[in-house]
Protein backbone atom coordinates (compact mmCIF):
# COMPACT_ATOMS: atom_id res chain seq x y z
CA MET A 1 0.00 0.00 0.00
CA LYS A 2 2.86 2.37 0.93
CA LYS A 3 4.49 1.62 -2.42
CA ILE A 4 1.25 2.45 -4.24
CA LEU A 5 0.85 5.76 -2.33
CA LEU A 6 4.45 6.69 -3.08
CA LEU A 7 3.99 5.89 -6.74
CA CYS A 8 0.82 8.02 -6.90
CA THR A 9 2.58 10.90 -5.17
CA LEU A 10 5.44 10.73 -7.66
CA CYS A 11 2.97 10.70 -10.56
CA VAL A 12 1.21 13.81 -9.22
CA PHE A 13 4.51 15.68 -8.91
CA ALA A 14 5.58 14.54 -12.39
CA THR A 15 2.28 15.69 -13.90
CA ALA A 16 2.52 19.07 -12.18
CA PHE A 17 6.10 19.49 -13.38
CA VAL A 18 5.21 18.60 -17.01
CA SER A 19 2.15 20.86 -16.84
CA CYS A 20 4.20 23.79 -15.61
CA SER A 21 6.86 23.13 -18.18
CA GLY A 22 4.24 22.88 -20.91
CA ASN A 23 2.65 26.19 -19.90
CA GLU A 24 5.94 28.07 -19.74
CA SER A 25 7.61 26.70 -22.86
CA PRO A 26 5.21 27.96 -25.59
CA SER A 27 5.03 31.35 -23.89
CA SER A 28 8.78 31.58 -23.74
CA VAL A 29 9.17 30.49 -27.38
CA SER A 30 6.49 32.93 -28.53
CA SER A 31 8.20 35.74 -26.66
CA GLU A 32 11.56 34.90 -28.22
CA VAL A 33 10.04 34.70 -31.75
CA ALA A 34 8.21 38.00 -31.29
CA GLU A 35 11.36 39.66 -29.99
CA THR A 36 13.41 38.30 -32.90
CA THR A 37 10.77 39.44 -35.40
CA GLU A 38 10.66 42.94 -33.92
CA GLU A 39 14.45 43.14 -33.95
CA SER A 40 14.55 42.05 -37.59
CA LYS A 41 11.84 44.53 -38.48
CA ALA A 42 13.64 47.34 -36.69
CA ASP A 43 16.94 46.44 -38.37
CA SER A 44 15.23 46.52 -41.76
CA GLN A 45 13.66 49.88 -41.01
CA ASP A 46 17.05 51.27 -40.05
CA GLY A 47 18.65 50.39 -43.32
CA THR A 48 20.08 46.87 -43.38
CA VAL A 49 17.96 46.01 -46.42
CA ALA A 50 20.23 45.19 -49.37
CA PRO A 51 20.71 48.29 -51.57
CA VAL A 52 19.60 48.41 -55.18
CA GLU A 53 21.43 50.00 -58.10
CA VAL A 54 19.86 53.32 -59.10
CA VAL A 55 22.06 54.24 -62.07
CA GLU A 56 20.74 52.64 -65.25
CA GLU A 57 22.84 51.59 -68.22
CA GLY A 58 23.31 54.40 -70.71
CA MET A 59 22.68 57.21 -68.22
CA THR A 60 24.97 60.24 -68.44
CA PRO A 61 24.98 63.07 -65.86
CA VAL A 62 22.88 66.15 -66.68
CA TYR A 63 24.19 69.31 -65.05
CA ALA A 64 22.48 72.58 -64.14
CA ASP A 65 23.79 74.48 -67.17
CA GLU A 66 21.90 72.02 -69.39
CA ILE A 67 18.52 72.87 -67.84
CA LYS A 68 16.55 76.10 -67.99
CA ASP A 69 16.08 77.96 -64.72
CA GLY A 70 12.82 77.04 -63.02
CA VAL A 71 11.09 74.85 -60.46
CA TYR A 72 10.05 71.37 -61.56
CA PRO A 73 8.62 68.20 -60.04
CA VAL A 74 11.20 65.45 -60.37
CA GLU A 75 11.29 61.74 -59.60
CA VAL A 76 13.97 60.38 -57.28
CA SER A 77 15.27 56.81 -57.22
CA SER A 78 16.63 55.53 -53.90
CA SER A 79 18.98 52.63 -53.24
CA SER A 80 16.99 51.68 -50.13
CA SER A 81 13.31 50.82 -49.80
CA MET A 82 13.55 52.19 -46.24
CA PHE A 83 14.56 55.62 -47.57
CA LYS A 84 11.54 56.50 -49.64
CA ILE A 85 11.01 59.89 -51.26
CA THR A 86 7.32 60.35 -51.97
CA GLU A 87 7.57 63.73 -53.69
CA CYS A 88 10.36 66.03 -54.82
CA GLU A 89 10.69 69.56 -56.21
CA LEU A 90 13.79 70.55 -58.16
CA THR A 91 14.96 74.17 -58.35
CA VAL A 92 17.41 75.24 -61.06
CA LYS A 93 18.85 78.73 -60.75
CA ASP A 94 22.06 80.46 -61.82
CA GLY A 95 23.87 77.26 -62.69
CA GLU A 96 23.01 75.41 -59.48
CA MET A 97 20.36 72.87 -58.47
CA SER A 98 18.69 71.98 -55.19
CA ALA A 99 15.77 69.75 -54.30
CA VAL A 100 13.17 69.58 -51.56
CA MET A 101 12.53 65.90 -50.82
CA THR A 102 9.34 64.84 -49.04
CA MET A 103 10.03 61.67 -47.09
CA GLY A 104 7.82 58.64 -46.64
CA GLY A 105 8.69 58.41 -42.93
CA THR A 106 10.03 60.35 -39.96
CA GLY A 107 12.85 58.09 -38.79
CA TYR A 108 15.81 60.23 -39.88
CA ARG A 109 17.12 63.28 -37.98
CA TYR A 110 19.79 64.46 -40.44
CA LEU A 111 21.08 63.91 -43.95
CA PHE A 112 24.67 64.31 -45.06
CA MET A 113 25.78 64.54 -48.68
CA GLY A 114 28.44 61.87 -48.60
CA LYS A 115 29.25 58.54 -46.96
CA GLY A 116 28.38 57.76 -43.36
CA THR A 117 32.07 57.48 -42.45
CA GLN A 118 32.55 61.03 -43.72
CA ALA A 119 29.51 62.23 -41.77
CA GLU A 120 30.94 60.85 -38.53
CA THR A 121 33.98 63.11 -38.76
CA ALA A 122 32.27 66.12 -40.38
CA ASP A 123 31.30 69.28 -38.58
CA GLU A 124 27.67 69.29 -37.49
CA SER A 125 27.11 72.43 -39.58
CA GLU A 126 27.33 70.17 -42.65
CA TYR A 127 24.35 68.10 -41.48
CA ILE A 128 21.02 68.80 -43.16
CA PRO A 129 18.13 68.81 -40.64
CA PHE A 130 14.56 68.04 -41.59
CA GLU A 131 11.76 70.56 -41.78
CA GLU A 132 8.40 69.33 -40.50
CA THR A 133 5.09 70.30 -42.09
CA ASP A 134 1.87 68.66 -40.86
CA GLY A 135 3.85 65.73 -39.48
CA VAL A 136 5.75 65.20 -42.74
CA HIS A 137 9.54 65.50 -42.89
CA LYS A 138 11.26 67.33 -45.75
CA PHE A 139 14.97 67.73 -46.52
CA THR A 140 16.44 70.37 -48.82
CA VAL A 141 19.58 69.00 -50.50
CA PRO A 142 22.04 70.23 -53.15
CA VAL A 143 21.89 68.35 -56.46
CA GLU A 144 25.18 68.00 -58.32
CA ALA A 145 23.62 66.46 -61.41
CA LEU A 146 20.63 64.49 -62.65
CA ASP A 147 20.98 60.88 -63.85
CA MET A 148 23.96 60.40 -61.54
CA GLY A 149 24.21 58.41 -58.32
CA ILE A 150 24.67 60.80 -55.38
CA ASP A 151 25.90 59.64 -51.96
CA CYS A 152 23.53 60.68 -49.20
CA SER A 153 23.82 59.36 -45.63
CA ALA A 154 20.84 59.32 -43.26
CA PHE A 155 21.10 59.52 -39.47
CA SER A 156 18.68 57.18 -37.72
CA ASP A 157 16.84 58.69 -34.76
CA ARG A 158 16.31 55.32 -33.10
CA LYS A 159 19.77 53.80 -33.51
CA GLU A 160 21.70 57.06 -33.64
CA THR A 161 23.91 55.89 -36.48
CA TRP A 162 24.49 56.83 -40.13
CA TYR A 163 23.25 54.69 -43.01
CA ASP A 164 24.61 54.99 -46.53
CA ARG A 165 22.15 55.72 -49.32
CA THR A 166 22.46 56.51 -53.02
CA ILE A 167 19.86 58.75 -54.64
CA LEU A 168 19.33 59.66 -58.29
CA PHE A 169 17.26 62.52 -59.68
CA ARG A 170 15.76 61.34 -62.98
CA ALA A 171 16.21 63.64 -65.98
CA ASP A 172 13.55 61.76 -67.94
CA SER A 173 10.90 62.82 -65.41
CA LEU A 174 11.31 66.50 -66.35
CA PRO A 175 9.31 68.13 -69.17
CA SER A 176 11.20 67.73 -72.44
CA ASP A 177 11.31 71.43 -73.23
CA VAL A 178 13.30 72.41 -70.11
CA PHE A 179 16.63 71.19 -71.52
CA GLU A 180 18.89 73.86 -72.97
CA ASN A 181 20.49 71.45 -75.42
CA ALA A 182 17.34 69.59 -76.46
CA VAL A 183 17.93 67.97 -79.83
CA VAL A 184 15.27 68.85 -82.40
CA PRO A 185 16.60 68.27 -85.92
CA GLU A 186 15.82 70.76 -88.66
CA LEU A 187 13.60 68.96 -91.14
CA GLU A 188 11.72 70.11 -94.19
CA GLU A 189 7.96 69.74 -94.16
CA GLY A 190 6.89 66.24 -95.10
CA GLU A 191 6.65 62.69 -93.87
CA TYR A 192 9.49 60.61 -92.46
CA THR A 193 10.12 57.48 -90.42
CA VAL A 194 12.23 57.20 -87.28
CA GLU A 195 13.30 54.36 -85.00
CA VAL A 196 11.66 54.65 -81.58
CA SER A 197 12.06 52.54 -78.43
CA ILE A 198 9.94 52.39 -75.29
CA GLU A 199 10.70 51.74 -71.61
CA GLY A 200 8.51 51.54 -68.53
CA GLY A 201 5.49 49.73 -67.17
CA SER A 202 5.75 45.98 -66.80
CA GLY A 203 7.94 45.70 -69.89
CA LYS A 204 5.24 43.87 -71.85
CA ALA A 205 3.99 46.89 -73.78
CA SER A 206 5.51 47.64 -77.16
CA ILE A 207 5.03 50.05 -80.05
CA ASN A 208 5.73 49.84 -83.76
CA SER A 209 9.16 50.94 -84.90
CA PRO A 210 10.01 52.71 -87.11
CA ALA A 211 7.26 55.24 -86.44
CA LYS A 212 5.82 57.70 -88.92
CA LEU A 213 6.87 61.34 -88.45
CA THR A 214 4.92 64.28 -89.83
CA VAL A 215 6.76 67.59 -90.00
CA THR A 216 5.02 70.93 -90.46
CA ASP A 217 6.26 74.46 -89.94
CA GLU A 218 4.73 74.36 -86.47
CA SER A 219 5.41 70.91 -85.08
CA ILE A 220 6.81 67.40 -85.41
CA THR A 221 4.33 64.64 -84.61
CA ALA A 222 4.82 60.89 -84.38
CA GLU A 223 2.30 58.15 -85.01
CA ILE A 224 2.49 55.77 -82.06
CA VAL A 225 0.97 52.34 -82.69
CA TRP A 226 0.66 50.17 -79.58
CA ASN A 227 0.61 46.38 -79.57
CA SER A 228 -3.01 46.33 -78.35
CA ASN A 229 -6.16 48.46 -78.50
CA ASN A 230 -6.37 48.83 -74.71
CA TYR A 231 -4.96 52.37 -74.50
CA ASP A 232 -7.63 55.07 -74.39
CA TYR A 233 -5.44 58.19 -74.00
CA MET A 234 -1.83 59.41 -73.76
CA VAL A 235 -0.35 62.39 -71.91
CA VAL A 236 2.64 64.38 -73.18
CA ASP A 237 3.90 67.40 -71.20
CA GLY A 238 0.58 67.62 -69.37
CA GLU A 239 -1.57 67.54 -72.53
CA LYS A 240 -3.99 64.67 -73.10
CA TYR A 241 -4.18 63.05 -76.56
CA MET A 242 -6.99 60.76 -77.65
CA PRO A 243 -6.47 57.85 -80.06
CA VAL A 244 -7.07 58.34 -83.78
CA SER A 245 -7.93 54.64 -84.04
CA THR A 246 -8.66 51.71 -81.73
CA ASP A 247 -9.89 49.21 -84.33
CA GLU A 248 -7.08 46.69 -83.97
CA PHE A 249 -4.40 48.69 -82.15
CA SER A 250 -4.45 51.94 -80.19
CA VAL A 251 -2.99 54.58 -82.51
CA PHE A 252 -2.01 58.10 -81.37
CA GLU A 253 -0.51 61.17 -82.97
CA ILE A 254 1.63 62.95 -80.39
CA PRO A 255 4.21 65.75 -80.53
CA VAL A 256 7.90 64.88 -80.44
CA THR A 257 9.56 67.43 -78.19
CA VAL A 258 13.07 65.98 -78.14
CA PHE A 259 15.23 63.48 -80.03
CA ASP A 260 18.17 61.43 -78.72
CA ARG A 261 16.94 61.79 -75.15
CA LYS A 262 14.26 59.90 -73.25
CA MET A 263 10.92 61.66 -73.57
CA SER A 264 8.45 61.10 -70.73
CA VAL A 265 4.87 60.17 -71.60
CA SER A 266 2.06 58.30 -69.91
CA ALA A 267 -0.66 56.10 -71.31
CA ASP A 268 -3.93 54.93 -69.78
CA THR A 269 -4.67 51.23 -70.20
CA THR A 270 -8.07 49.59 -69.82
CA ALA A 271 -6.65 46.07 -69.87
CA MET A 272 -6.85 45.77 -66.07
CA SER A 273 -9.95 45.55 -63.90
CA THR A 274 -9.81 49.33 -63.55
CA PRO A 275 -8.05 51.80 -65.89
CA HIS A 276 -4.45 52.60 -64.95
CA GLU A 277 -2.27 55.47 -66.18
CA ILE A 278 1.24 54.11 -66.66
CA GLU A 279 4.45 56.10 -67.14
CA TYR A 280 6.76 55.34 -70.08
CA THR A 281 9.68 56.93 -71.87
CA LEU A 282 10.08 57.09 -75.64
CA TYR A 283 13.45 57.47 -77.34
CA PHE A 284 13.46 58.85 -80.90
CA ASP A 285 16.81 58.25 -82.61
CA SER A 286 17.49 61.19 -84.94
CA SER A 287 20.21 59.27 -86.81
CA THR A 288 17.53 56.90 -88.18
CA ILE A 289 15.24 59.56 -89.69
CA VAL A 290 14.39 58.70 -93.30
CA LYS A 291 12.16 60.72 -95.60
């Protein structure tokens, strides 16, 4: 009987021990997983995400003396998804450029135009502080050139350390007529053809090349023939152009504002569940013009 009571007592203690262990273990594991996840998330937010290349093949720097003085919206590419610029305004004046960048977050206290190692030894007067408007952070930075990778370090508020970034201000996002050296060949009135290439979107869209050019004393227009009839309008320098035909393909007649440089346009497609306006660039090669 004593042996049976002892055995029962041992079983009760064993059950209690296993029960306690079972209750504590999942909680402990969950806590560790949550902590690890939060640490990983925080690290990602502070800049340990692998950088991407912002300079595209064929890009050449565009300096201030190549652009007319003015204030323009401009697109900015960033090497880090955690350093997102949602809006940017470029100012060109007296041979210099600067930009006001609106940030997608509020995690950075300063910017420095250079590498983080340089920022650590630089005088604090070289740091660029943010300006806050309605809870949004903006930084005003000098711009050496467009279409060129520019080193820009960001100081994290939370980790109090510098993170290296590369930013690029895209020349092809500016209106075509702002360039001082815009290439517009002198052509007699008449009809020509020219090789044209397209970039942007998902990469699936294409247009006929060569394209037909019509030259008058007032303008140069190109006939753009898409590979589908799903495009219901195009936009060039803020002007909307409707198709001249959508029987088999969407066909447009649009002005050509520049040759031998990417020309920004957008086109609205109805191929998706809801219409989407997609940004593209067209490149008209003046060396291929044939009457």
